Amino acid sequence: MSIMKISGVNSVPLGLGVGLAENHEALSYFAKMSAANRREVIRQSETCGTQSEMREFVRKLRSWS
């Protein structure tokens, strides 16, 4: 699995990183999450099997609390 670094998180799967890069609002929201919530988002994102599933997952990040 490809990974990239984001401050405060050890690694982010490449698909999630790309999805966040394509959605600046979601990226900003992700960056403001607690470390525990970011880890959970990363864990949940690993269930996405396609690019469209990842885009939808990233689009829905605002529902995380």
N, C-alpha and C. Protein backbone atom coordinates (compact mmCIF):
# COMPACT_ATOMS: atom_id res chain seq x y z
N MET A 1 0.85 -1.18 0.00
CA MET A 1 0.00 0.00 0.00
C MET A 1 0.89 1.24 0.00
N SER A 2 0.61 2.19 -0.85
CA SER A 2 1.34 3.45 -0.88
C SER A 2 0.85 4.35 0.23
N ILE A 3 1.77 5.11 0.82
CA ILE A 3 1.41 6.02 1.90
C ILE A 3 2.05 7.37 1.67
N MET A 4 1.50 8.37 2.34
CA MET A 4 2.08 9.71 2.33
C MET A 4 2.02 10.27 3.73
N LYS A 5 2.84 11.23 4.05
CA LYS A 5 2.89 11.80 5.39
C LYS A 5 1.99 13.03 5.50
N ILE A 6 1.26 13.11 6.60
CA ILE A 6 0.48 14.30 6.95
C ILE A 6 0.80 14.60 8.40
N SER A 7 1.02 15.84 8.72
CA SER A 7 1.39 16.23 10.07
C SER A 7 0.43 15.65 11.11
N GLY A 8 0.99 15.02 12.15
CA GLY A 8 0.19 14.48 13.23
C GLY A 8 -0.33 13.08 12.98
N VAL A 9 -0.03 12.52 11.82
CA VAL A 9 -0.46 11.18 11.46
C VAL A 9 0.76 10.46 10.89
N ASN A 10 0.96 9.22 11.29
CA ASN A 10 2.12 8.49 10.79
C ASN A 10 2.08 8.28 9.29
N SER A 11 0.94 7.89 8.76
CA SER A 11 0.82 7.68 7.32
C SER A 11 -0.64 7.75 6.88
N VAL A 12 -0.81 8.12 5.64
CA VAL A 12 -2.15 8.21 5.04
C VAL A 12 -2.10 7.39 3.76
N PRO A 13 -3.04 6.46 3.56
CA PRO A 13 -3.06 5.72 2.30
C PRO A 13 -3.12 6.68 1.12
N LEU A 14 -2.45 6.31 0.06
CA LEU A 14 -2.36 7.19 -1.11
C LEU A 14 -3.73 7.60 -1.64
N GLY A 15 -4.67 6.67 -1.70
CA GLY A 15 -6.01 6.99 -2.22
C GLY A 15 -6.69 8.06 -1.39
N LEU A 16 -6.56 7.97 -0.07
CA LEU A 16 -7.15 8.99 0.80
C LEU A 16 -6.43 10.32 0.60
N GLY A 17 -5.12 10.27 0.50
CA GLY A 17 -4.35 11.50 0.29
C GLY A 17 -4.75 12.20 -1.00
N VAL A 18 -4.93 11.43 -2.06
CA VAL A 18 -5.35 12.00 -3.34
C VAL A 18 -6.76 12.56 -3.22
N GLY A 19 -7.65 11.81 -2.57
CA GLY A 19 -9.02 12.28 -2.37
C GLY A 19 -9.06 13.59 -1.60
N LEU A 20 -8.24 13.68 -0.57
CA LEU A 20 -8.18 14.92 0.21
C LEU A 20 -7.59 16.06 -0.61
N ALA A 21 -6.59 15.76 -1.43
CA ALA A 21 -5.98 16.80 -2.26
C ALA A 21 -6.97 17.34 -3.29
N GLU A 22 -7.90 16.50 -3.71
CA GLU A 22 -8.91 16.93 -4.69
C GLU A 22 -10.07 17.68 -4.05
N ASN A 23 -10.18 17.62 -2.73
CA ASN A 23 -11.30 18.25 -2.02
C ASN A 23 -10.74 19.09 -0.89
N HIS A 24 -10.48 20.34 -1.16
CA HIS A 24 -9.81 21.21 -0.20
C HIS A 24 -10.61 21.41 1.08
N GLU A 25 -11.93 21.43 0.98
CA GLU A 25 -12.77 21.57 2.17
C GLU A 25 -12.60 20.35 3.08
N ALA A 26 -12.60 19.16 2.48
CA ALA A 26 -12.42 17.94 3.25
C ALA A 26 -11.02 17.89 3.86
N LEU A 27 -10.01 18.32 3.11
CA LEU A 27 -8.64 18.34 3.63
C LEU A 27 -8.53 19.25 4.84
N SER A 28 -9.13 20.42 4.75
CA SER A 28 -9.12 21.35 5.88
C SER A 28 -9.81 20.75 7.09
N TYR A 29 -10.94 20.12 6.87
CA TYR A 29 -11.69 19.48 7.95
C TYR A 29 -10.87 18.35 8.57
N PHE A 30 -10.27 17.52 7.73
CA PHE A 30 -9.44 16.42 8.20
C PHE A 30 -8.28 16.93 9.06
N ALA A 31 -7.65 18.00 8.61
CA ALA A 31 -6.51 18.56 9.34
C ALA A 31 -6.90 19.08 10.72
N LYS A 32 -8.14 19.51 10.88
CA LYS A 32 -8.61 20.06 12.16
C LYS A 32 -9.13 18.98 13.11
N MET A 33 -9.26 17.73 12.61
CA MET A 33 -9.76 16.64 13.46
C MET A 33 -8.73 16.29 14.54
N SER A 34 -9.21 15.68 15.59
CA SER A 34 -8.29 15.15 16.60
C SER A 34 -7.50 14.01 15.96
N ALA A 35 -6.36 13.70 16.56
CA ALA A 35 -5.53 12.62 16.04
C ALA A 35 -6.29 11.30 16.04
N ALA A 36 -7.08 11.08 17.08
CA ALA A 36 -7.86 9.84 17.16
C ALA A 36 -8.88 9.76 16.02
N ASN A 37 -9.54 10.86 15.72
CA ASN A 37 -10.51 10.86 14.62
C ASN A 37 -9.82 10.68 13.27
N ARG A 38 -8.65 11.30 13.10
CA ARG A 38 -7.91 11.11 11.84
C ARG A 38 -7.52 9.65 11.67
N ARG A 39 -7.06 9.01 12.74
CA ARG A 39 -6.70 7.58 12.65
C ARG A 39 -7.92 6.74 12.27
N GLU A 40 -9.08 7.07 12.82
CA GLU A 40 -10.30 6.32 12.50
C GLU A 40 -10.71 6.55 11.05
N VAL A 41 -10.58 7.77 10.56
CA VAL A 41 -10.88 8.06 9.15
C VAL A 41 -9.96 7.23 8.26
N ILE A 42 -8.69 7.19 8.61
CA ILE A 42 -7.72 6.41 7.82
C ILE A 42 -8.12 4.94 7.84
N ARG A 43 -8.46 4.43 9.00
CA ARG A 43 -8.86 3.02 9.11
C ARG A 43 -10.09 2.74 8.24
N GLN A 44 -11.09 3.59 8.33
CA GLN A 44 -12.32 3.41 7.56
C GLN A 44 -12.07 3.56 6.05
N SER A 45 -11.16 4.44 5.68
CA SER A 45 -10.90 4.67 4.25
C SER A 45 -10.32 3.44 3.57
N GLU A 46 -9.71 2.58 4.34
CA GLU A 46 -9.08 1.39 3.76
C GLU A 46 -10.12 0.39 3.23
N THR A 47 -11.40 0.62 3.52
CA THR A 47 -12.46 -0.25 3.00
C THR A 47 -12.90 0.18 1.60
N CYS A 48 -12.48 1.35 1.15
CA CYS A 48 -12.85 1.83 -0.18
C CYS A 48 -12.09 1.03 -1.23
N GLY A 49 -12.83 0.49 -2.19
CA GLY A 49 -12.22 -0.36 -3.20
C GLY A 49 -12.01 0.30 -4.55
N THR A 50 -12.66 1.45 -4.75
CA THR A 50 -12.54 2.14 -6.04
C THR A 50 -12.30 3.63 -5.80
N GLN A 51 -11.88 4.28 -6.85
CA GLN A 51 -11.66 5.72 -6.78
C GLN A 51 -12.97 6.45 -6.48
N SER A 52 -14.06 6.00 -7.08
CA SER A 52 -15.34 6.68 -6.83
C SER A 52 -15.80 6.47 -5.39
N GLU A 53 -15.57 5.30 -4.83
CA GLU A 53 -15.90 5.07 -3.42
C GLU A 53 -15.08 5.99 -2.52
N MET A 54 -13.80 6.17 -2.85
CA MET A 54 -12.95 7.05 -2.03
C MET A 54 -13.42 8.50 -2.15
N ARG A 55 -13.77 8.93 -3.35
CA ARG A 55 -14.26 10.31 -3.51
C ARG A 55 -15.52 10.53 -2.67
N GLU A 56 -16.42 9.56 -2.69
CA GLU A 56 -17.65 9.67 -1.90
C GLU A 56 -17.32 9.66 -0.41
N PHE A 57 -16.41 8.82 0.01
CA PHE A 57 -15.98 8.76 1.41
C PHE A 57 -15.43 10.12 1.85
N VAL A 58 -14.55 10.69 1.04
CA VAL A 58 -13.95 11.99 1.37
C VAL A 58 -15.02 13.08 1.40
N ARG A 59 -15.95 13.02 0.45
CA ARG A 59 -17.03 14.02 0.41
C ARG A 59 -17.85 14.02 1.70
N LYS A 60 -17.99 12.85 2.31
CA LYS A 60 -18.80 12.72 3.50
C LYS A 60 -18.03 12.96 4.81
N LEU A 61 -16.79 13.38 4.73
CA LEU A 61 -16.00 13.58 5.96
C LEU A 61 -16.63 14.56 6.93
N ARG A 62 -17.37 15.52 6.45
CA ARG A 62 -17.96 16.53 7.33
C ARG A 62 -18.95 15.92 8.32
N SER A 63 -19.42 14.70 8.06
CA SER A 63 -20.34 14.05 8.99
C SER A 63 -19.61 13.39 10.15
N TRP A 64 -18.28 13.33 10.10
CA TRP A 64 -17.51 12.75 11.21
C TRP A 64 -17.49 13.73 12.37
N SER A 65 -17.50 13.23 13.58
CA SER A 65 -17.39 14.13 14.74
C SER A 65 -16.41 13.60 15.73
